[in-house]
Amino acid sequence: MTNKEKYNKLQAVFDELYKDAECSLDFRSPFRLLVAVQLSAQCTDARVNLVTPSLFKKFPTVESFAEADLPELEDAIRSTGFFRNKAKNLKGCAQMLLEKHGGEVPDTMDALLKLPGVGRKTANLILGDVFGKGGVVVDTHAGRIARRMGFTKNTDPEKVEYDLAKIIPLENQTRFCHQLVHHGRALCTARNPKCAECPAVGFCQFTKS
């Protein structure tokens, strides 16, 4: 079975199990998603969703983030971890958006990657969920499942992204990556995966290793 054939089978499984899968971060604007994704580094989406309501009440606009008192911003995001570096990046990101993009989140990979704190994972999520351009978002769940399914042998997220991009149609990339997250949380967990309950077990390499 080729990887594309295997992907088609897995997509069919996911469309049954996780047909409503979407981004688990709460957001109302492109900038708020950009902030939330940066906060989610080494932090759970659930924790970020607890922090962002009060954060955006205190800093409601791009301008307020750009002008924020750094210790005050740090304190507002402290519980997400690595708060000093995240606060520095968020402030710098807001400043660059104002200086280079009129306060708007750009819609190209090159422009997004120039923003402080933004890597390919964040950029692909923005491109897919905000602008509908597709993008392979490789988090720990996506990387783990991609290796278990035999879609890649790589551990570097960027290399995993490129391997998956070869087999997932552009129009399905955003949805499929959200489905990978749901599957990684529900069944294909890092430890003690529930293989006996998984409808994809028949074409997964993990159980054969």
N, C-alpha and C. Protein backbone atom coordinates (compact mmCIF):
# COMPACT_ATOMS: atom_id res chain seq x y z
N MET A 1 0.83 -1.19 0.00
CA MET A 1 0.00 0.00 0.00
C MET A 1 0.87 1.25 0.00
N THR A 2 0.62 2.18 -0.91
CA THR A 2 1.40 3.41 -0.95
C THR A 2 0.94 4.34 0.18
N ASN A 3 1.77 5.33 0.46
CA ASN A 3 1.40 6.30 1.50
C ASN A 3 0.14 7.07 1.14
N LYS A 4 -0.03 7.37 -0.14
CA LYS A 4 -1.24 8.09 -0.55
C LYS A 4 -2.48 7.22 -0.36
N GLU A 5 -2.36 5.93 -0.67
CA GLU A 5 -3.48 5.01 -0.46
C GLU A 5 -3.78 4.88 1.04
N LYS A 6 -2.73 4.82 1.83
CA LYS A 6 -2.90 4.71 3.28
C LYS A 6 -3.53 5.99 3.83
N TYR A 7 -3.07 7.13 3.31
CA TYR A 7 -3.67 8.40 3.75
C TYR A 7 -5.17 8.42 3.44
N ASN A 8 -5.56 7.98 2.25
CA ASN A 8 -6.98 7.97 1.88
C ASN A 8 -7.81 7.12 2.83
N LYS A 9 -7.26 5.99 3.25
CA LYS A 9 -7.95 5.13 4.20
C LYS A 9 -8.06 5.81 5.56
N LEU A 10 -6.96 6.45 5.99
CA LEU A 10 -6.97 7.12 7.29
C LEU A 10 -7.91 8.31 7.27
N GLN A 11 -7.93 9.05 6.16
CA GLN A 11 -8.84 10.19 6.05
C GLN A 11 -10.29 9.74 6.18
N ALA A 12 -10.61 8.61 5.58
CA ALA A 12 -11.97 8.07 5.69
C ALA A 12 -12.32 7.72 7.13
N VAL A 13 -11.35 7.12 7.84
CA VAL A 13 -11.55 6.80 9.26
C VAL A 13 -11.76 8.07 10.07
N PHE A 14 -10.91 9.05 9.84
CA PHE A 14 -11.00 10.30 10.59
C PHE A 14 -12.30 11.05 10.31
N ASP A 15 -12.77 10.96 9.07
CA ASP A 15 -14.01 11.66 8.73
C ASP A 15 -15.21 11.04 9.44
N GLU A 16 -15.08 9.79 9.84
CA GLU A 16 -16.12 9.15 10.64
C GLU A 16 -15.97 9.52 12.12
N LEU A 17 -14.74 9.48 12.61
CA LEU A 17 -14.50 9.70 14.04
C LEU A 17 -14.48 11.17 14.43
N TYR A 18 -13.89 12.00 13.59
CA TYR A 18 -13.64 13.39 13.96
C TYR A 18 -14.09 14.35 12.85
N LYS A 19 -15.32 14.17 12.41
CA LYS A 19 -15.80 14.97 11.27
C LYS A 19 -15.90 16.46 11.62
N ASP A 20 -16.03 16.78 12.90
CA ASP A 20 -16.16 18.17 13.32
C ASP A 20 -14.87 18.72 13.92
N ALA A 21 -13.76 18.05 13.69
CA ALA A 21 -12.49 18.48 14.28
C ALA A 21 -12.12 19.88 13.80
N GLU A 22 -11.71 20.71 14.74
CA GLU A 22 -11.27 22.07 14.42
C GLU A 22 -10.23 22.49 15.45
N CYS A 23 -9.69 23.67 15.26
CA CYS A 23 -8.68 24.18 16.17
C CYS A 23 -9.23 24.23 17.59
N SER A 24 -8.49 23.70 18.55
CA SER A 24 -8.97 23.67 19.93
C SER A 24 -8.63 24.93 20.72
N LEU A 25 -7.96 25.87 20.08
CA LEU A 25 -7.70 27.17 20.70
C LEU A 25 -8.86 28.11 20.41
N ASP A 26 -9.31 28.82 21.44
CA ASP A 26 -10.39 29.79 21.26
C ASP A 26 -9.82 31.08 20.67
N PHE A 27 -10.47 31.60 19.63
CA PHE A 27 -10.00 32.87 19.07
C PHE A 27 -11.13 33.55 18.31
N ARG A 28 -11.07 34.87 18.24
CA ARG A 28 -12.10 35.65 17.53
C ARG A 28 -11.51 36.50 16.42
N SER A 29 -10.20 36.48 16.29
CA SER A 29 -9.56 37.27 15.25
C SER A 29 -8.23 36.62 14.90
N PRO A 30 -7.67 36.94 13.74
CA PRO A 30 -6.36 36.40 13.38
C PRO A 30 -5.29 36.70 14.42
N PHE A 31 -5.28 37.92 14.95
CA PHE A 31 -4.25 38.27 15.92
C PHE A 31 -4.42 37.46 17.20
N ARG A 32 -5.65 37.25 17.63
CA ARG A 32 -5.85 36.47 18.85
C ARG A 32 -5.43 35.02 18.68
N LEU A 33 -5.62 34.47 17.49
CA LEU A 33 -5.10 33.12 17.25
C LEU A 33 -3.58 33.13 17.25
N LEU A 34 -2.99 34.15 16.66
CA LEU A 34 -1.53 34.27 16.64
C LEU A 34 -0.97 34.30 18.06
N VAL A 35 -1.62 35.04 18.93
CA VAL A 35 -1.21 35.10 20.34
C VAL A 35 -1.40 33.74 21.00
N ALA A 36 -2.56 33.14 20.82
CA ALA A 36 -2.87 31.88 21.48
C ALA A 36 -1.91 30.77 21.07
N VAL A 37 -1.57 30.72 19.79
CA VAL A 37 -0.65 29.66 19.33
C VAL A 37 0.72 29.85 19.96
N GLN A 38 1.17 31.09 20.07
CA GLN A 38 2.47 31.31 20.70
C GLN A 38 2.43 30.91 22.18
N LEU A 39 1.33 31.16 22.83
CA LEU A 39 1.21 30.77 24.24
C LEU A 39 1.15 29.26 24.41
N SER A 40 0.71 28.55 23.37
CA SER A 40 0.52 27.10 23.49
C SER A 40 1.82 26.31 23.45
N ALA A 41 2.93 26.97 23.13
CA ALA A 41 4.22 26.27 23.12
C ALA A 41 4.53 25.74 24.52
N GLN A 42 4.76 24.45 24.62
CA GLN A 42 5.04 23.79 25.91
C GLN A 42 3.93 24.03 26.92
N CYS A 43 2.71 24.14 26.42
CA CYS A 43 1.56 24.37 27.28
C CYS A 43 0.34 23.75 26.61
N THR A 44 -0.63 23.32 27.38
CA THR A 44 -1.83 22.72 26.81
C THR A 44 -2.77 23.80 26.27
N ASP A 45 -3.52 23.41 25.23
CA ASP A 45 -4.52 24.34 24.68
C ASP A 45 -5.56 24.69 25.74
N ALA A 46 -5.89 23.73 26.60
CA ALA A 46 -6.88 24.00 27.65
C ALA A 46 -6.40 25.09 28.59
N ARG A 47 -5.14 25.06 28.95
CA ARG A 47 -4.59 26.10 29.82
C ARG A 47 -4.59 27.44 29.11
N VAL A 48 -4.21 27.45 27.84
CA VAL A 48 -4.21 28.71 27.08
C VAL A 48 -5.61 29.30 27.03
N ASN A 49 -6.61 28.45 26.82
CA ASN A 49 -7.99 28.95 26.76
C ASN A 49 -8.47 29.50 28.08
N LEU A 50 -7.86 29.10 29.17
CA LEU A 50 -8.19 29.68 30.47
C LEU A 50 -7.53 31.04 30.66
N VAL A 51 -6.37 31.21 30.03
CA VAL A 51 -5.59 32.44 30.20
C VAL A 51 -6.05 33.56 29.28
N THR A 52 -6.42 33.23 28.05
CA THR A 52 -6.65 34.28 27.05
C THR A 52 -7.83 35.21 27.34
N PRO A 53 -8.94 34.78 27.95
CA PRO A 53 -10.02 35.75 28.19
C PRO A 53 -9.57 36.95 29.02
N SER A 54 -8.87 36.71 30.11
CA SER A 54 -8.40 37.84 30.94
C SER A 54 -7.26 38.58 30.25
N LEU A 55 -6.44 37.85 29.49
CA LEU A 55 -5.34 38.48 28.77
C LEU A 55 -5.87 39.49 27.76
N PHE A 56 -6.87 39.10 26.98
CA PHE A 56 -7.40 40.00 25.95
C PHE A 56 -8.29 41.09 26.54
N LYS A 57 -8.78 40.88 27.75
CA LYS A 57 -9.49 41.95 28.43
C LYS A 57 -8.53 43.04 28.86
N LYS A 58 -7.33 42.61 29.26
CA LYS A 58 -6.31 43.56 29.69
C LYS A 58 -5.60 44.18 28.50
N PHE A 59 -5.39 43.38 27.45
CA PHE A 59 -4.70 43.86 26.24
C PHE A 59 -5.60 43.52 25.02
N PRO A 60 -6.57 44.36 24.71
CA PRO A 60 -7.58 44.01 23.71
C PRO A 60 -7.17 44.21 22.26
N THR A 61 -6.09 44.92 22.01
CA THR A 61 -5.73 45.26 20.63
C THR A 61 -4.27 44.97 20.35
N VAL A 62 -3.92 44.99 19.07
CA VAL A 62 -2.52 44.86 18.68
C VAL A 62 -1.72 45.99 19.31
N GLU A 63 -2.29 47.20 19.30
CA GLU A 63 -1.59 48.37 19.87
C GLU A 63 -1.31 48.18 21.35
N SER A 64 -2.26 47.62 22.07
CA SER A 64 -2.06 47.45 23.52
C SER A 64 -0.97 46.43 23.81
N PHE A 65 -0.83 45.41 22.97
CA PHE A 65 0.28 44.47 23.14
C PHE A 65 1.61 45.15 22.82
N ALA A 66 1.62 45.96 21.77
CA ALA A 66 2.86 46.65 21.37
C ALA A 66 3.33 47.62 22.43
N GLU A 67 2.38 48.22 23.14
CA GLU A 67 2.72 49.22 24.16
C GLU A 67 2.76 48.65 25.56
N ALA A 68 2.56 47.34 25.69
CA ALA A 68 2.43 46.72 27.01
C ALA A 68 3.68 46.89 27.86
N ASP A 69 3.47 47.07 29.14
CA ASP A 69 4.55 46.99 30.11
C ASP A 69 4.95 45.52 30.21
N LEU A 70 6.20 45.22 29.93
CA LEU A 70 6.63 43.83 29.81
C LEU A 70 6.36 43.01 31.08
N PRO A 71 6.71 43.50 32.28
CA PRO A 71 6.39 42.72 33.49
C PRO A 71 4.90 42.46 33.66
N GLU A 72 4.07 43.41 33.25
CA GLU A 72 2.62 43.22 33.36
C GLU A 72 2.14 42.15 32.39
N LEU A 73 2.70 42.15 31.18
CA LEU A 73 2.36 41.13 30.20
C LEU A 73 2.86 39.77 30.66
N GLU A 74 4.06 39.73 31.20
CA GLU A 74 4.60 38.48 31.73
C GLU A 74 3.69 37.89 32.79
N ASP A 75 3.22 38.75 33.68
CA ASP A 75 2.37 38.29 34.77
C ASP A 75 1.04 37.73 34.24
N ALA A 76 0.54 38.32 33.17
CA ALA A 76 -0.75 37.90 32.62
C ALA A 76 -0.68 36.52 31.97
N ILE A 77 0.51 36.11 31.53
CA ILE A 77 0.65 34.82 30.84
C ILE A 77 1.53 33.84 31.63
N ARG A 78 1.83 34.16 32.86
CA ARG A 78 2.78 33.39 33.66
C ARG A 78 2.46 31.90 33.69
N SER A 79 1.18 31.56 33.81
CA SER A 79 0.81 30.15 33.99
C SER A 79 0.99 29.31 32.73
N THR A 80 1.31 29.93 31.59
CA THR A 80 1.53 29.16 30.36
C THR A 80 2.96 28.67 30.24
N GLY A 81 3.83 29.11 31.15
CA GLY A 81 5.23 28.68 31.11
C GLY A 81 6.05 29.50 30.14
N PHE A 82 7.36 29.57 30.41
CA PHE A 82 8.29 30.32 29.56
C PHE A 82 7.75 31.73 29.29
N PHE A 83 7.15 32.31 30.32
CA PHE A 83 6.39 33.54 30.15
C PHE A 83 7.24 34.74 29.78
N ARG A 84 8.50 34.77 30.20
CA ARG A 84 9.34 35.92 29.86
C ARG A 84 9.62 35.96 28.37
N ASN A 85 10.01 34.83 27.82
CA ASN A 85 10.31 34.78 26.39
C ASN A 85 9.04 34.98 25.55
N LYS A 86 7.94 34.39 26.01
CA LYS A 86 6.68 34.55 25.28
C LYS A 86 6.22 36.01 25.29
N ALA A 87 6.34 36.67 26.42
CA ALA A 87 5.92 38.07 26.51
C ALA A 87 6.78 38.95 25.61
N LYS A 88 8.06 38.70 25.61
CA LYS A 88 8.97 39.46 24.74
C LYS A 88 8.59 39.28 23.27
N ASN A 89 8.30 38.03 22.88
CA ASN A 89 7.93 37.75 21.50
C ASN A 89 6.59 38.37 21.13
N LEU A 90 5.62 38.29 22.04
CA LEU A 90 4.29 38.84 21.75
C LEU A 90 4.35 40.35 21.58
N LYS A 91 5.09 41.00 22.43
CA LYS A 91 5.24 42.46 22.31
C LYS A 91 5.94 42.81 20.99
N GLY A 92 7.04 42.10 20.70
CA GLY A 92 7.78 42.34 19.47
C GLY A 92 6.95 42.03 18.24
N CYS A 93 6.15 40.98 18.32
CA CYS A 93 5.29 40.59 17.20
C CYS A 93 4.27 41.69 16.93
N ALA A 94 3.64 42.20 17.96
CA ALA A 94 2.65 43.27 17.80
C ALA A 94 3.30 44.52 17.21
N GLN A 95 4.49 44.84 17.68
CA GLN A 95 5.19 46.01 17.15
C GLN A 95 5.49 45.86 15.66
N MET A 96 5.92 44.67 15.26
CA MET A 96 6.23 44.44 13.85
C MET A 96 4.97 44.46 12.99
N LEU A 97 3.87 43.94 13.52
CA LEU A 97 2.62 43.99 12.78
C LEU A 97 2.21 45.43 12.50
N LEU A 98 2.40 46.29 13.48
CA LEU A 98 2.06 47.69 13.30
C LEU A 98 3.01 48.39 12.34
N GLU A 99 4.29 48.07 12.46
CA GLU A 99 5.31 48.75 11.64
C GLU A 99 5.30 48.27 10.19
N LYS A 100 5.07 46.97 9.98
CA LYS A 100 5.23 46.38 8.65
C LYS A 100 3.92 46.02 7.95
N HIS A 101 2.84 45.81 8.72
CA HIS A 101 1.63 45.23 8.13
C HIS A 101 0.36 45.98 8.51
N GLY A 102 0.50 47.21 8.94
CA GLY A 102 -0.69 47.99 9.29
C GLY A 102 -1.52 47.40 10.40
N GLY A 103 -0.88 46.63 11.27
CA GLY A 103 -1.58 46.03 12.39
C GLY A 103 -2.33 44.75 12.06
N GLU A 104 -2.22 44.30 10.80
CA GLU A 104 -2.92 43.09 10.38
C GLU A 104 -1.96 41.89 10.31
N VAL A 105 -2.49 40.71 10.54
CA VAL A 105 -1.70 39.49 10.43
C VAL A 105 -1.50 39.17 8.95
N PRO A 106 -0.26 39.00 8.49
CA PRO A 106 -0.02 38.72 7.07
C PRO A 106 -0.47 37.32 6.68
N ASP A 107 -0.63 37.13 5.36
CA ASP A 107 -1.18 35.86 4.89
C ASP A 107 -0.20 35.07 4.03
N THR A 108 1.10 35.28 4.24
CA THR A 108 2.10 34.48 3.53
C THR A 108 3.07 33.86 4.53
N MET A 109 3.61 32.72 4.16
CA MET A 109 4.56 32.03 5.02
C MET A 109 5.78 32.91 5.30
N ASP A 110 6.34 33.51 4.27
CA ASP A 110 7.55 34.32 4.44
C ASP A 110 7.33 35.45 5.43
N ALA A 111 6.22 36.16 5.30
CA ALA A 111 5.95 37.28 6.19
C ALA A 111 5.68 36.82 7.62
N LEU A 112 4.97 35.72 7.77
CA LEU A 112 4.67 35.20 9.11
C LEU A 112 5.94 34.77 9.82
N LEU A 113 6.85 34.12 9.10
CA LEU A 113 8.08 33.62 9.72
C LEU A 113 9.01 34.73 10.18
N LYS A 114 8.80 35.92 9.69
CA LYS A 114 9.63 37.05 10.12
C LYS A 114 9.16 37.63 11.46
N LEU A 115 7.96 37.25 11.89
CA LEU A 115 7.42 37.76 13.15
C LEU A 115 8.10 37.07 14.33
N PRO A 116 8.44 37.80 15.38
CA PRO A 116 9.06 37.19 16.56
C PRO A 116 8.19 36.07 17.14
N GLY A 117 8.82 34.95 17.43
CA GLY A 117 8.11 33.83 18.06
C GLY A 117 7.31 32.96 17.13
N VAL A 118 7.34 33.25 15.83
CA VAL A 118 6.53 32.48 14.88
C VAL A 118 7.41 31.51 14.10
N GLY A 119 7.09 30.22 14.20
CA GLY A 119 7.76 29.19 13.42
C GLY A 119 6.79 28.61 12.42
N ARG A 120 7.18 27.55 11.76
CA ARG A 120 6.37 26.98 10.69
C ARG A 120 5.06 26.40 11.22
N LYS A 121 5.08 25.82 12.41
CA LYS A 121 3.84 25.28 12.98
C LYS A 121 2.80 26.38 13.14
N THR A 122 3.20 27.48 13.75
CA THR A 122 2.29 28.61 13.94
C THR A 122 1.84 29.19 12.61
N ALA A 123 2.79 29.38 11.71
CA ALA A 123 2.48 29.97 10.41
C ALA A 123 1.48 29.10 9.64
N ASN A 124 1.68 27.80 9.63
CA ASN A 124 0.77 26.91 8.91
C ASN A 124 -0.62 26.90 9.53
N LEU A 125 -0.69 27.00 10.85
CA LEU A 125 -1.99 27.05 11.51
C LEU A 125 -2.74 28.33 11.12
N ILE A 126 -2.03 29.45 11.11
CA ILE A 126 -2.64 30.72 10.71
C ILE A 126 -3.10 30.66 9.25
N LEU A 127 -2.23 30.17 8.39
CA LEU A 127 -2.57 30.10 6.96
C LEU A 127 -3.80 29.22 6.72
N GLY A 128 -3.90 28.14 7.47
CA GLY A 128 -5.02 27.22 7.28
C GLY A 128 -6.30 27.69 7.92
N ASP A 129 -6.25 28.03 9.21
CA ASP A 129 -7.46 28.35 9.95
C ASP A 129 -7.97 29.76 9.71
N VAL A 130 -7.10 30.67 9.41
CA VAL A 130 -7.51 32.05 9.20
C VAL A 130 -7.75 32.35 7.73
N PHE A 131 -6.81 31.93 6.89
CA PHE A 131 -6.85 32.34 5.48
C PHE A 131 -7.30 31.23 4.52
N GLY A 132 -7.52 30.03 5.04
CA GLY A 132 -8.01 28.95 4.20
C GLY A 132 -7.04 28.50 3.12
N LYS A 133 -5.75 28.68 3.37
CA LYS A 133 -4.74 28.35 2.36
C LYS A 133 -4.14 26.96 2.54
N GLY A 134 -4.57 26.25 3.57
CA GLY A 134 -3.97 24.95 3.84
C GLY A 134 -2.63 25.11 4.51
N GLY A 135 -2.14 24.02 5.02
CA GLY A 135 -0.85 24.03 5.71
C GLY A 135 -0.78 22.84 6.64
N VAL A 136 0.36 22.16 6.65
CA VAL A 136 0.54 20.99 7.51
C VAL A 136 1.12 21.44 8.84
N VAL A 137 0.31 21.32 9.88
CA VAL A 137 0.71 21.72 11.22
C VAL A 137 1.25 20.50 11.95
N VAL A 138 2.52 20.52 12.27
CA VAL A 138 3.14 19.36 12.91
C VAL A 138 3.39 19.65 14.39
N ASP A 139 2.51 19.12 15.23
CA ASP A 139 2.74 19.16 16.66
C ASP A 139 3.18 17.76 17.10
N THR A 140 3.22 17.53 18.39
CA THR A 140 3.70 16.23 18.87
C THR A 140 2.78 15.09 18.43
N HIS A 141 1.47 15.35 18.39
CA HIS A 141 0.52 14.32 17.97
C HIS A 141 0.72 13.97 16.50
N ALA A 142 0.79 15.01 15.65
CA ALA A 142 0.94 14.78 14.21
C ALA A 142 2.24 14.04 13.91
N GLY A 143 3.32 14.44 14.55
CA GLY A 143 4.60 13.77 14.31
C GLY A 143 4.58 12.32 14.74
N ARG A 144 4.01 12.07 15.91
CA ARG A 144 3.95 10.70 16.44
C ARG A 144 3.11 9.79 15.54
N ILE A 145 1.93 10.25 15.16
CA ILE A 145 1.04 9.42 14.35
C ILE A 145 1.60 9.23 12.95
N ALA A 146 2.22 10.27 12.40
CA ALA A 146 2.82 10.16 11.06
C ALA A 146 3.90 9.08 11.04
N ARG A 147 4.69 9.01 12.11
CA ARG A 147 5.73 7.97 12.17
C ARG A 147 5.11 6.59 12.39
N ARG A 148 4.11 6.50 13.23
CA ARG A 148 3.48 5.21 13.49
C ARG A 148 2.78 4.67 12.25
N MET A 149 2.23 5.57 11.45
CA MET A 149 1.55 5.15 10.22
C MET A 149 2.52 4.84 9.09
N GLY A 150 3.78 5.24 9.27
CA GLY A 150 4.76 5.00 8.23
C GLY A 150 4.81 6.09 7.17
N PHE A 151 4.19 7.24 7.45
CA PHE A 151 4.23 8.35 6.51
C PHE A 151 5.60 9.03 6.47
N THR A 152 6.35 8.88 7.53
CA THR A 152 7.67 9.51 7.64
C THR A 152 8.53 8.72 8.61
N LYS A 153 9.83 8.86 8.46
CA LYS A 153 10.77 8.32 9.44
C LYS A 153 11.45 9.44 10.20
N ASN A 154 11.11 10.67 9.84
CA ASN A 154 11.78 11.83 10.42
C ASN A 154 11.19 12.22 11.77
N THR A 155 12.05 12.82 12.58
CA THR A 155 11.61 13.38 13.86
C THR A 155 11.62 14.90 13.82
N ASP A 156 12.37 15.49 12.91
CA ASP A 156 12.39 16.94 12.77
C ASP A 156 11.04 17.41 12.22
N PRO A 157 10.34 18.32 12.92
CA PRO A 157 8.99 18.73 12.51
C PRO A 157 8.92 19.27 11.08
N GLU A 158 9.93 20.02 10.64
CA GLU A 158 9.88 20.57 9.30
C GLU A 158 9.96 19.46 8.25
N LYS A 159 10.79 18.45 8.51
CA LYS A 159 10.89 17.33 7.57
C LYS A 159 9.61 16.51 7.57
N VAL A 160 9.00 16.34 8.74
CA VAL A 160 7.71 15.65 8.81
C VAL A 160 6.66 16.42 8.01
N GLU A 161 6.68 17.75 8.16
CA GLU A 161 5.75 18.60 7.41
C GLU A 161 5.86 18.35 5.91
N TYR A 162 7.09 18.35 5.41
CA TYR A 162 7.30 18.17 3.97
C TYR A 162 6.86 16.78 3.52
N ASP A 163 7.12 15.77 4.36
CA ASP A 163 6.70 14.40 4.00
C ASP A 163 5.18 14.31 3.92
N LEU A 164 4.49 14.91 4.88
CA LEU A 164 3.03 14.85 4.88
C LEU A 164 2.43 15.69 3.75
N ALA A 165 3.08 16.80 3.44
CA ALA A 165 2.57 17.67 2.37
C ALA A 165 2.58 16.97 1.01
N LYS A 166 3.44 15.95 0.87
CA LYS A 166 3.51 15.22 -0.39
C LYS A 166 2.30 14.31 -0.61
N ILE A 167 1.65 13.93 0.48
CA ILE A 167 0.58 12.95 0.35
C ILE A 167 -0.81 13.49 0.70
N ILE A 168 -0.87 14.63 1.40
CA ILE A 168 -2.17 15.20 1.79
C ILE A 168 -2.54 16.32 0.82
N PRO A 169 -3.66 16.24 0.15
CA PRO A 169 -4.08 17.34 -0.74
C PRO A 169 -4.18 18.65 0.04
N LEU A 170 -3.79 19.73 -0.61
CA LEU A 170 -3.75 21.03 0.04
C LEU A 170 -5.08 21.37 0.72
N GLU A 171 -6.18 21.06 0.05
CA GLU A 171 -7.48 21.44 0.60
C GLU A 171 -7.87 20.64 1.84
N ASN A 172 -7.17 19.54 2.10
CA ASN A 172 -7.48 18.71 3.28
C ASN A 172 -6.49 18.89 4.42
N GLN A 173 -5.41 19.61 4.19
CA GLN A 173 -4.32 19.64 5.17
C GLN A 173 -4.74 20.19 6.53
N THR A 174 -5.45 21.29 6.55
CA THR A 174 -5.83 21.88 7.83
C THR A 174 -6.75 20.95 8.61
N ARG A 175 -7.77 20.44 7.96
CA ARG A 175 -8.72 19.54 8.63
C ARG A 175 -8.03 18.28 9.10
N PHE A 176 -7.19 17.68 8.25
CA PHE A 176 -6.51 16.44 8.61
C PHE A 176 -5.61 16.63 9.82
N CYS A 177 -4.90 17.75 9.88
CA CYS A 177 -4.00 17.98 11.01
C CYS A 177 -4.78 18.17 12.31
N HIS A 178 -5.94 18.81 12.26
CA HIS A 178 -6.78 18.90 13.45
C HIS A 178 -7.27 17.51 13.86
N GLN A 179 -7.57 16.69 12.87
CA GLN A 179 -8.01 15.32 13.16
C GLN A 179 -6.89 14.50 13.79
N LEU A 180 -5.66 14.73 13.35
CA LEU A 180 -4.52 14.05 13.96
C LEU A 180 -4.42 14.39 15.45
N VAL A 181 -4.63 15.65 15.78
CA VAL A 181 -4.58 16.06 17.19
C VAL A 181 -5.67 15.33 18.00
N HIS A 182 -6.88 15.30 17.46
CA HIS A 182 -7.96 14.62 18.16
C HIS A 182 -7.65 13.13 18.33
N HIS A 183 -7.10 12.51 17.29
CA HIS A 183 -6.77 11.08 17.36
C HIS A 183 -5.65 10.83 18.37
N GLY A 184 -4.67 11.74 18.39
CA GLY A 184 -3.57 11.60 19.32
C GLY A 184 -4.00 11.73 20.77
N ARG A 185 -5.02 12.52 21.01
CA ARG A 185 -5.53 12.68 22.37
C ARG A 185 -6.48 11.55 22.77
N ALA A 186 -7.26 11.07 21.79
CA ALA A 186 -8.30 10.10 22.11
C ALA A 186 -7.80 8.65 22.11
N LEU A 187 -7.01 8.27 21.11
CA LEU A 187 -6.63 6.87 20.94
C LEU A 187 -5.13 6.65 20.80
N CYS A 188 -4.50 7.40 19.90
CA CYS A 188 -3.09 7.15 19.58
C CYS A 188 -2.19 7.98 20.49
N THR A 189 -2.32 7.72 21.78
CA THR A 189 -1.57 8.46 22.79
C THR A 189 -0.10 8.06 22.78
N ALA A 190 0.72 8.93 23.36
CA ALA A 190 2.16 8.67 23.37
C ALA A 190 2.48 7.39 24.14
N ARG A 191 1.84 7.25 25.30
CA ARG A 191 2.04 6.05 26.12
C ARG A 191 0.74 5.26 26.15
N ASN A 192 0.88 3.97 26.05
CA ASN A 192 -0.27 3.06 26.11
C ASN A 192 -1.37 3.43 25.12
N PRO A 193 -1.05 3.51 23.83
CA PRO A 193 -2.09 3.81 22.84
C PRO A 193 -3.16 2.74 22.83
N LYS A 194 -4.39 3.15 22.55
CA LYS A 194 -5.54 2.24 22.60
C LYS A 194 -5.71 1.55 21.24
N CYS A 195 -4.73 0.75 20.86
CA CYS A 195 -4.72 0.12 19.53
C CYS A 195 -5.91 -0.80 19.33
N ALA A 196 -6.35 -1.46 20.38
CA ALA A 196 -7.47 -2.39 20.26
C ALA A 196 -8.77 -1.67 19.91
N GLU A 197 -8.84 -0.38 20.19
CA GLU A 197 -10.04 0.40 19.89
C GLU A 197 -9.92 1.21 18.61
N CYS A 198 -8.75 1.17 17.96
CA CYS A 198 -8.48 2.05 16.83
C CYS A 198 -8.91 1.44 15.50
N PRO A 199 -9.78 2.11 14.75
CA PRO A 199 -10.21 1.59 13.45
C PRO A 199 -9.11 1.59 12.40
N ALA A 200 -8.01 2.29 12.68
CA ALA A 200 -6.91 2.36 11.71
C ALA A 200 -5.82 1.32 11.97
N VAL A 201 -6.03 0.46 12.95
CA VAL A 201 -4.98 -0.45 13.38
C VAL A 201 -4.54 -1.39 12.24
N GLY A 202 -5.43 -1.69 11.32
CA GLY A 202 -5.12 -2.63 10.26
C GLY A 202 -4.05 -2.15 9.30
N PHE A 203 -3.88 -0.85 9.17
CA PHE A 203 -2.83 -0.35 8.28
C PHE A 203 -1.84 0.56 9.00
N CYS A 204 -1.73 0.36 10.31
CA CYS A 204 -0.75 1.11 11.12
C CYS A 204 0.47 0.24 11.34
N GLN A 205 1.64 0.82 11.20
CA GLN A 205 2.88 0.06 11.36
C GLN A 205 3.28 -0.11 12.83
N PHE A 206 2.71 0.72 13.71
CA PHE A 206 3.11 0.69 15.12
C PHE A 206 2.85 -0.67 15.75
N THR A 207 1.71 -1.27 15.44
CA THR A 207 1.37 -2.56 16.03
C THR A 207 2.15 -3.71 15.43
N LYS A 208 2.84 -3.44 14.32
CA LYS A 208 3.62 -4.48 13.65
C LYS A 208 5.09 -4.40 13.99
N SER A 209 5.47 -3.37 14.77
CA SER A 209 6.89 -3.18 15.08
C SER A 209 7.29 -3.98 16.31
